[in-house]
């Protein structure tokens, strides 16, 4: 039975990670510029083209369906000698490193942790690298079937929870889970849950005390790094950068069709 489930799970994973049809909505990032500006510990958000990307973008109500961690030289090199400076968690391949060139043609955004010291940055990277080889359990067929529908009929309050349903570690499919665990290993906040209560100080009746609670790593999605107040957002340069907007040559708008005027009825 396990062999059968793994076989079906493998087929589902291959189908979900295949490229989806249709036009790509946003311009691609300039990888040469991106390569020069990246720092270890940066999180790169990706607007994916895979079939699974559509479901993730719908469930998270965001353009970002994937995330990768920039590990720099610590990622080693591939068979062709290219530096594998990025780390990701994938449904089909599991946790692995890959070169930046594999993101050519994608719309990207960089999220840089604010105030993360060098020692903790290296700890975050070591934590993530220590998970290389972990693979998604393909016998969790139910977990994979969630992504078969690009827009599953799920009420808004349940969408984030839907990503964490299932047995074992189903959110291994969502790369942001591993990255969230890496940052939480050094106590760096991403998007904590904040509760407020009245202060017990008698001298300040209007004071409010805030309590920060760690959000479970299985509930993190790529967009959380984008909306987090603890990450700076950097937009890589586009392929066609505009030095001066006044020099842009705009296409002439098409002539607006106007219906012929109706004859005025003769006076009686």
Protein backbone atom coordinates (compact mmCIF):
# COMPACT_ATOMS: atom_id res chain seq x y z
CA UNK A 1 0.00 0.00 0.00
CA UNK A 2 2.85 2.39 0.84
CA UNK A 3 4.48 1.68 -2.51
CA UNK A 4 1.21 2.43 -4.30
CA UNK A 5 0.74 5.69 -2.37
CA UNK A 6 4.28 6.80 -3.10
CA UNK A 7 3.82 6.01 -6.78
CA UNK A 8 0.60 8.04 -6.97
CA UNK A 9 2.19 10.81 -4.90
CA UNK A 10 5.15 10.94 -7.28
CA UNK A 11 2.85 11.33 -10.26
CA UNK A 12 0.92 14.10 -8.49
CA UNK A 13 4.17 15.88 -7.60
CA UNK A 14 5.33 15.73 -11.22
CA UNK A 15 2.00 17.13 -12.42
CA UNK A 16 1.90 19.95 -9.85
CA UNK A 17 5.47 21.07 -10.50
CA UNK A 18 4.99 21.22 -14.28
CA UNK A 19 4.79 24.63 -15.92
CA UNK A 20 1.30 26.09 -16.14
CA UNK A 21 -0.06 27.46 -19.39
CA UNK A 22 -0.95 31.06 -19.99
CA UNK A 23 0.92 34.38 -20.08
CA UNK A 24 3.27 35.43 -17.31
CA UNK A 25 1.81 38.60 -15.73
CA UNK A 26 4.86 40.53 -14.50
CA UNK A 27 8.31 41.46 -15.88
CA UNK A 28 11.32 39.38 -14.91
CA UNK A 29 14.07 40.57 -12.59
CA UNK A 30 17.58 41.47 -13.71
CA UNK A 31 19.70 38.60 -12.34
CA UNK A 32 23.01 40.39 -12.93
CA UNK A 33 21.90 43.25 -10.71
CA UNK A 34 20.38 40.82 -8.23
CA UNK A 35 23.62 38.83 -7.99
CA UNK A 36 25.55 41.97 -6.99
CA UNK A 37 23.11 43.08 -4.31
CA UNK A 38 22.26 39.85 -2.51
CA UNK A 39 23.57 39.19 1.01
CA UNK A 40 23.58 35.95 3.03
CA UNK A 41 20.29 35.61 4.90
CA UNK A 42 18.19 37.36 2.25
CA UNK A 43 14.86 35.76 1.38
CA UNK A 44 13.95 35.77 -2.31
CA UNK A 45 10.25 35.64 -3.12
CA UNK A 46 9.26 34.13 -6.46
CA UNK A 47 6.11 34.42 -8.51
CA UNK A 48 6.08 30.86 -9.80
CA UNK A 49 4.74 29.43 -13.02
CA UNK A 50 4.02 25.90 -11.82
CA UNK A 51 0.55 24.46 -11.47
CA UNK A 52 0.95 24.37 -7.71
CA UNK A 53 1.79 28.10 -7.75
CA UNK A 54 -1.74 29.11 -8.73
CA UNK A 55 -3.29 27.36 -5.73
CA UNK A 56 -0.71 28.78 -3.32
CA UNK A 57 -1.19 32.31 -4.65
CA UNK A 58 -4.95 32.00 -4.28
CA UNK A 59 -4.82 30.54 -0.76
CA UNK A 60 -2.35 33.20 0.40
CA UNK A 61 -3.96 36.04 -1.57
CA UNK A 62 -0.57 37.09 -2.85
CA UNK A 63 1.58 37.17 -5.98
CA UNK A 64 4.30 35.16 -4.25
CA UNK A 65 4.10 31.38 -4.41
CA UNK A 66 7.66 30.39 -3.55
CA UNK A 67 10.58 31.50 -1.38
CA UNK A 68 14.29 30.70 -1.31
CA UNK A 69 17.07 31.55 1.14
CA UNK A 70 20.33 33.08 -0.09
CA UNK A 71 23.16 31.11 1.57
CA UNK A 72 26.07 32.51 -0.48
CA UNK A 73 29.20 30.39 -0.87
CA UNK A 74 28.03 27.94 1.79
CA UNK A 75 25.77 26.21 -0.74
CA UNK A 76 28.63 24.67 -2.72
CA UNK A 77 28.60 24.19 -6.51
CA UNK A 78 26.64 22.04 -8.96
CA UNK A 79 27.99 19.48 -11.43
CA UNK A 80 28.93 22.25 -13.87
CA UNK A 81 30.80 24.29 -11.29
CA UNK A 82 28.11 26.95 -10.86
CA UNK A 83 27.73 28.26 -7.28
CA UNK A 84 24.54 26.98 -5.63
CA UNK A 85 23.87 30.08 -3.59
CA UNK A 86 20.12 29.55 -3.01
CA UNK A 87 18.33 27.00 -0.85
CA UNK A 88 14.72 25.92 -1.26
CA UNK A 89 12.27 23.21 -0.24
CA UNK A 90 10.47 21.60 -3.15
CA UNK A 91 7.67 19.03 -3.38
CA UNK A 92 9.58 16.88 -5.84
CA UNK A 93 13.25 17.47 -4.97
CA UNK A 94 12.99 18.14 -1.26
CA UNK A 95 15.44 20.51 0.45
CA UNK A 96 18.35 21.36 -1.86
CA UNK A 97 20.55 24.19 -3.09
CA UNK A 98 20.53 25.55 -6.64
CA UNK A 99 22.21 28.31 -8.69
CA UNK A 100 20.69 31.74 -9.15
CA UNK A 101 20.44 31.28 -12.90
CA UNK A 102 17.47 28.94 -12.42
CA UNK A 103 15.38 32.00 -11.55
CA UNK A 104 15.87 33.59 -14.96
CA UNK A 105 12.60 34.94 -16.34
CA UNK A 106 10.84 35.13 -12.95
CA UNK A 107 9.38 38.09 -11.11
CA UNK A 108 11.33 38.35 -7.85
CA UNK A 109 11.49 40.35 -4.65
CA UNK A 110 14.17 40.43 -1.97
CA UNK A 111 13.30 40.51 1.75
CA UNK A 112 16.29 41.42 3.94
CA UNK A 113 16.13 40.83 7.72
CA UNK A 114 16.67 44.07 9.60
CA UNK A 115 19.29 44.07 12.34
CA UNK A 116 20.20 40.39 12.08
CA UNK A 117 23.81 40.13 13.29
CA UNK A 118 26.46 38.20 11.37
CA UNK A 119 26.66 35.37 13.91
CA UNK A 120 22.90 34.78 13.83
CA UNK A 121 22.90 35.02 10.03
CA UNK A 122 25.38 32.16 9.90
CA UNK A 123 23.28 30.18 12.39
CA UNK A 124 20.20 30.65 10.21
CA UNK A 125 22.13 29.44 7.17
CA UNK A 126 23.60 26.45 9.01
CA UNK A 127 20.15 25.47 10.24
CA UNK A 128 18.77 25.51 6.70
CA UNK A 129 21.78 23.70 5.22
CA UNK A 130 21.40 21.04 7.89
CA UNK A 131 18.01 20.14 6.41
CA UNK A 132 19.40 19.37 2.94
CA UNK A 133 18.23 15.95 1.86
CA UNK A 134 14.91 16.10 3.71
CA UNK A 135 12.19 15.13 1.29
CA UNK A 136 8.46 15.60 1.15
CA UNK A 137 6.63 12.40 2.05
CA UNK A 138 4.90 11.55 -1.22
CA UNK A 139 2.57 9.06 0.43
CA UNK A 140 0.59 12.04 1.76
CA UNK A 141 -1.64 12.00 -1.31
CA UNK A 142 -4.36 14.07 0.37
CA UNK A 143 -1.86 16.85 1.07
CA UNK A 144 -0.86 17.00 -2.58
CA UNK A 145 -4.44 16.90 -3.85
CA UNK A 146 -5.08 20.26 -2.17
CA UNK A 147 -3.14 21.96 -4.94
CA UNK A 148 -4.93 20.37 -7.89
CA UNK A 149 -7.44 23.22 -8.02
CA UNK A 150 -5.94 26.64 -8.85
CA UNK A 151 -8.75 28.33 -6.89
CA UNK A 152 -10.07 25.84 -4.32
CA UNK A 153 -13.46 26.80 -2.83
CA UNK A 154 -12.14 27.61 0.65
CA UNK A 155 -13.53 30.39 2.89
CA UNK A 156 -11.02 33.17 3.56
CA UNK A 157 -10.56 32.41 7.31
CA UNK A 158 -9.59 28.79 6.49
CA UNK A 159 -7.11 29.43 3.68
CA UNK A 160 -3.97 29.68 5.79
CA UNK A 161 -5.02 26.68 7.86
CA UNK A 162 -5.56 24.67 4.70
CA UNK A 163 -1.85 24.90 3.95
CA UNK A 164 -1.09 23.14 7.24
CA UNK A 165 -3.61 20.30 6.95
CA UNK A 166 -2.58 16.67 6.77
CA UNK A 167 -0.24 14.25 8.47
CA UNK A 168 3.52 14.14 8.90
CA UNK A 169 4.97 17.43 7.62
CA UNK A 170 2.79 18.43 4.67
CA UNK A 171 3.98 22.02 4.70
CA UNK A 172 7.36 20.79 3.50
CA UNK A 173 5.81 21.63 0.14
CA UNK A 174 5.72 25.28 1.16
CA UNK A 175 9.32 26.47 1.19
CA UNK A 176 8.52 29.30 3.60
CA UNK A 177 8.06 26.74 6.38
CA UNK A 178 11.72 25.74 6.43
CA UNK A 179 12.90 29.35 6.15
CA UNK A 180 10.61 30.36 9.02
CA UNK A 181 12.05 27.58 11.19
CA UNK A 182 15.58 28.77 10.39
CA UNK A 183 14.85 32.35 11.51
CA UNK A 184 12.92 31.20 14.57
CA UNK A 185 15.94 29.11 15.61
CA UNK A 186 17.73 32.38 16.51
CA UNK A 187 14.61 34.12 17.86
CA UNK A 188 14.23 36.47 14.89
CA UNK A 189 10.57 37.54 14.47
CA UNK A 190 8.82 37.26 11.13
CA UNK A 191 5.15 37.91 11.75
CA UNK A 192 4.38 37.27 15.42
CA UNK A 193 0.91 37.16 16.90
CA UNK A 194 0.46 40.22 19.14
CA UNK A 195 -2.11 40.32 21.94
CA UNK A 196 -2.84 43.34 24.11
CA UNK A 197 -4.13 43.68 27.65
CA UNK A 198 -4.62 46.49 30.12
CA UNK A 199 -1.56 47.30 32.20
CA UNK A 200 -1.60 46.48 35.92
CA UNK A 201 0.28 49.69 36.71
CA UNK A 202 -1.97 51.78 38.97
CA UNK A 203 -0.19 54.97 37.93
CA UNK A 204 -1.08 54.43 34.26
CA UNK A 205 -4.66 53.33 33.80
CA UNK A 206 -4.59 53.87 30.04
CA UNK A 207 -1.40 51.90 29.46
CA UNK A 208 -1.58 48.71 27.39
CA UNK A 209 0.83 45.79 27.61
CA UNK A 210 1.70 43.87 24.45
CA UNK A 211 2.56 40.18 24.38
CA UNK A 212 4.35 38.61 21.41
CA UNK A 213 3.57 35.00 20.58
CA UNK A 214 5.52 32.82 18.17
CA UNK A 215 3.39 31.78 15.20
CA UNK A 216 3.70 28.07 14.42
CA UNK A 217 6.10 27.55 11.54
CA UNK A 218 3.55 25.49 9.58
CA UNK A 219 1.37 28.59 9.17
CA UNK A 220 3.99 30.75 7.46
CA UNK A 221 3.56 31.49 3.75
CA UNK A 222 5.80 33.40 1.31
CA UNK A 223 3.83 36.65 1.59
CA UNK A 224 4.57 36.85 5.33
CA UNK A 225 8.15 37.90 4.57
CA UNK A 226 6.77 40.61 2.30
CA UNK A 227 4.39 42.11 4.88
CA UNK A 228 6.67 41.57 7.88
CA UNK A 229 7.85 44.79 9.55
CA UNK A 230 11.17 43.07 10.34
CA UNK A 231 12.29 42.69 6.71
CA UNK A 232 13.33 45.42 4.29
CA UNK A 233 11.78 45.05 0.85
CA UNK A 234 14.09 45.40 -2.15
CA UNK A 235 12.78 45.30 -5.71
CA UNK A 236 15.43 44.12 -8.16
CA UNK A 237 15.90 46.20 -11.31
CA UNK A 238 13.75 45.18 -14.24
CA UNK A 239 15.04 44.08 -17.61
CA UNK A 240 13.99 47.43 -19.08
CA UNK A 241 14.99 50.01 -16.50
CA UNK A 242 13.67 53.55 -16.90
CA UNK A 243 16.16 56.30 -16.13
CA UNK A 244 13.68 59.09 -16.84
CA UNK A 245 9.97 58.46 -17.18
CA UNK A 246 9.71 61.48 -19.52
CA UNK A 247 11.74 59.62 -22.14
CA UNK A 248 9.30 56.71 -22.39
CA UNK A 249 7.77 56.32 -25.83
CA UNK A 250 4.13 55.41 -25.36
CA UNK A 251 2.09 53.71 -28.02
CA UNK A 252 -0.63 55.90 -29.43
CA UNK A 253 -4.03 54.91 -28.01
CA UNK A 254 -6.49 53.35 -30.42
CA UNK A 255 -9.16 55.62 -31.77
CA UNK A 256 -12.26 55.49 -29.63
CA UNK A 257 -15.26 54.38 -31.63
CA UNK A 258 -18.13 56.79 -31.46
CA UNK A 259 -21.60 55.93 -32.68
CA UNK A 260 -22.94 58.14 -35.43
CA UNK A 261 -25.19 60.93 -34.22
CA UNK A 262 -28.87 60.23 -34.50
CA UNK A 263 -30.83 62.66 -36.69
CA UNK A 264 -32.82 65.20 -34.77
CA UNK A 265 -36.52 64.54 -35.14
CA UNK A 266 -38.26 67.19 -37.20
CA UNK A 267 -40.39 69.67 -35.33
CA UNK A 268 -44.10 69.27 -35.71
